Amino acid sequence: MKCLRIYASPDGESHFDEVEIPMTARVTVAPGAKAFQVSNRYPASSVEFTQIPAGMRQVDWHTVPARNLSVRLTGAVEYETSDGEVRHVSAGEFVLVEDTHGKGHLSRHSPDEQIVLWIRLPDGLDLSPP
């Protein structure tokens, strides 16, 4: 399964990438059910829900305080990295946000209220590409 990633290179510039989260079939979910594709379990340090108010629009260049997996439950956002690339993320999509230093990224929010789940990832958990 692919996961969009925002990260900072050593020179502080932010970029997009994709991370592959390995999945395997698990057939023992329930009697008669088709096999589910399931990843490994990953530890999380904390979980936080964020309610972004309607009309937020643009959040200027910023970094995140720690590595997070953000899961957009409602609304949409457009992220721009410092190299000029732009990606659109809709409700139901998730992003590994790792630009904890450097120039950061810009966020342009849809006009409606949004709910985002932030899952803080512990140091040492490697979801980054090899």
Protein backbone atom coordinates (compact mmCIF):
# COMPACT_ATOMS: atom_id res chain seq x y z
CA MET A 1 0.00 0.00 0.00
CA LYS A 2 1.37 3.41 -0.96
CA CYS A 3 1.57 6.30 1.52
CA LEU A 4 2.35 9.91 0.53
CA ARG A 5 5.29 11.32 2.48
CA ILE A 6 6.50 14.88 3.14
CA TYR A 7 10.11 15.06 4.32
CA ALA A 8 13.02 17.48 4.61
CA SER A 9 16.32 16.76 2.91
CA PRO A 10 19.59 17.57 4.76
CA ASP A 11 19.67 21.04 3.13
CA GLY A 12 16.27 21.86 4.73
CA GLU A 13 14.21 21.72 1.52
CA SER A 14 10.91 19.83 1.73
CA HIS A 15 9.85 17.21 -0.81
CA PHE A 16 7.20 14.60 -1.54
CA ASP A 17 7.89 10.90 -1.78
CA GLU A 18 5.91 7.69 -1.49
CA VAL A 19 6.45 4.99 1.09
CA GLU A 20 5.38 1.41 0.53
CA ILE A 21 3.68 -0.12 3.57
CA PRO A 22 4.01 -3.90 3.15
CA MET A 23 0.75 -5.83 3.33
CA THR A 24 0.05 -9.54 3.67
CA ALA A 25 -3.19 -11.51 3.34
CA ARG A 26 -4.80 -12.54 6.59
CA VAL A 27 -7.41 -15.22 6.04
CA THR A 28 -8.49 -15.81 9.65
CA VAL A 29 -10.55 -12.64 10.03
CA ALA A 30 -13.96 -14.31 10.32
CA PRO A 31 -15.50 -17.55 9.11
CA GLY A 32 -16.48 -17.26 5.45
CA ALA A 33 -14.93 -13.79 5.03
CA LYS A 34 -12.52 -13.05 2.22
CA ALA A 35 -8.90 -12.46 3.19
CA PHE A 36 -7.98 -8.96 4.39
CA GLN A 37 -4.72 -7.26 3.43
CA VAL A 38 -3.04 -6.32 6.72
CA SER A 39 0.21 -4.50 7.55
CA ASN A 40 2.47 -5.13 10.51
CA ARG A 41 1.51 -3.39 13.73
CA TYR A 42 3.41 -0.16 14.34
CA PRO A 43 3.78 1.53 17.73
CA ALA A 44 2.37 5.03 18.18
CA SER A 45 3.34 7.52 20.89
CA SER A 46 0.02 9.40 20.93
CA VAL A 47 -3.12 10.10 18.96
CA GLU A 48 -4.64 13.57 18.57
CA PHE A 49 -7.79 14.76 16.80
CA THR A 50 -7.71 18.22 15.24
CA GLN A 51 -10.77 20.21 14.23
CA ILE A 52 -9.75 22.78 11.63
CA PRO A 53 -12.36 25.56 11.48
CA ALA A 54 -14.22 26.43 8.31
CA GLY A 55 -12.53 29.20 6.38
CA MET A 56 -8.98 28.36 7.52
CA ARG A 57 -7.67 28.55 3.95
CA GLN A 58 -3.86 28.80 3.80
CA VAL A 59 -1.39 27.99 6.57
CA ASP A 60 1.96 29.51 5.63
CA TRP A 61 5.29 27.65 5.64
CA HIS A 62 5.64 25.46 8.72
CA THR A 63 7.24 22.27 9.98
CA VAL A 64 5.73 19.62 12.24
CA PRO A 65 6.98 19.17 15.83
CA ALA A 66 7.42 15.40 15.38
CA ARG A 67 6.93 12.64 12.81
CA ASN A 68 3.21 12.05 12.33
CA LEU A 69 0.90 9.99 10.22
CA SER A 70 -1.99 12.35 9.45
CA VAL A 71 -5.31 10.81 8.49
CA ARG A 72 -7.80 13.22 6.93
CA LEU A 73 -11.27 12.23 8.10
CA THR A 74 -13.18 15.13 6.49
CA GLY A 75 -12.33 17.95 4.11
CA ALA A 76 -9.35 18.29 1.83
CA VAL A 77 -5.96 19.97 1.78
CA GLU A 78 -3.39 20.89 -0.81
CA TYR A 79 0.21 20.62 0.36
CA GLU A 80 3.09 22.44 -1.30
CA THR A 81 6.72 21.58 -0.59
CA SER A 82 9.60 24.05 -0.85
CA ASP A 83 10.66 22.54 -4.18
CA GLY A 84 7.34 23.81 -5.63
CA GLU A 85 5.54 20.48 -5.97
CA VAL A 86 1.86 20.41 -4.97
CA ARG A 87 -0.29 17.42 -3.92
CA HIS A 88 -4.00 17.23 -3.11
CA VAL A 89 -5.15 15.07 -0.18
CA SER A 90 -8.85 14.26 0.23
CA ALA A 91 -10.89 12.82 3.09
CA GLY A 92 -9.93 9.19 3.69
CA GLU A 93 -6.30 9.69 2.61
CA PHE A 94 -3.25 9.77 4.84
CA VAL A 95 0.20 11.35 4.75
CA LEU A 96 3.43 10.55 6.57
CA VAL A 97 4.61 14.03 7.62
CA GLU A 98 8.30 14.10 8.54
CA ASP A 99 9.53 17.62 7.77
CA THR A 100 10.49 18.45 11.36
CA HIS A 101 13.23 20.89 10.29
CA GLY A 102 14.03 23.19 7.40
CA LYS A 103 11.62 25.32 5.38
CA GLY A 104 8.60 23.11 5.96
CA HIS A 105 5.50 22.94 3.79
CA LEU A 106 2.50 25.11 2.98
CA SER A 107 -1.11 23.90 3.53
CA ARG A 108 -4.15 25.18 1.61
CA HIS A 109 -7.34 23.94 3.24
CA SER A 110 -10.78 23.43 1.73
CA PRO A 111 -13.32 26.02 2.92
CA ASP A 112 -15.28 23.56 5.09
CA GLU A 113 -14.49 22.46 8.63
CA GLN A 114 -12.08 19.51 8.67
CA ILE A 115 -11.27 16.73 11.09
CA VAL A 116 -7.74 15.28 11.03
CA LEU A 117 -6.33 12.45 13.11
CA TRP A 118 -2.62 12.83 13.97
CA ILE A 119 -0.77 9.67 14.98
CA ARG A 120 2.63 10.52 16.44
CA LEU A 121 5.27 8.00 15.46
CA PRO A 122 8.04 7.13 17.90
CA ASP A 123 11.67 7.81 17.06
CA GLY A 124 13.30 4.86 15.37
CA LEU A 125 10.16 3.63 13.57
CA ASP A 126 11.27 3.43 9.97
CA LEU A 127 8.57 3.81 7.33
CA SER A 128 10.93 5.72 5.06
CA PRO A 129 12.05 4.31 1.73
CA PRO A 130 15.39 2.47 1.79
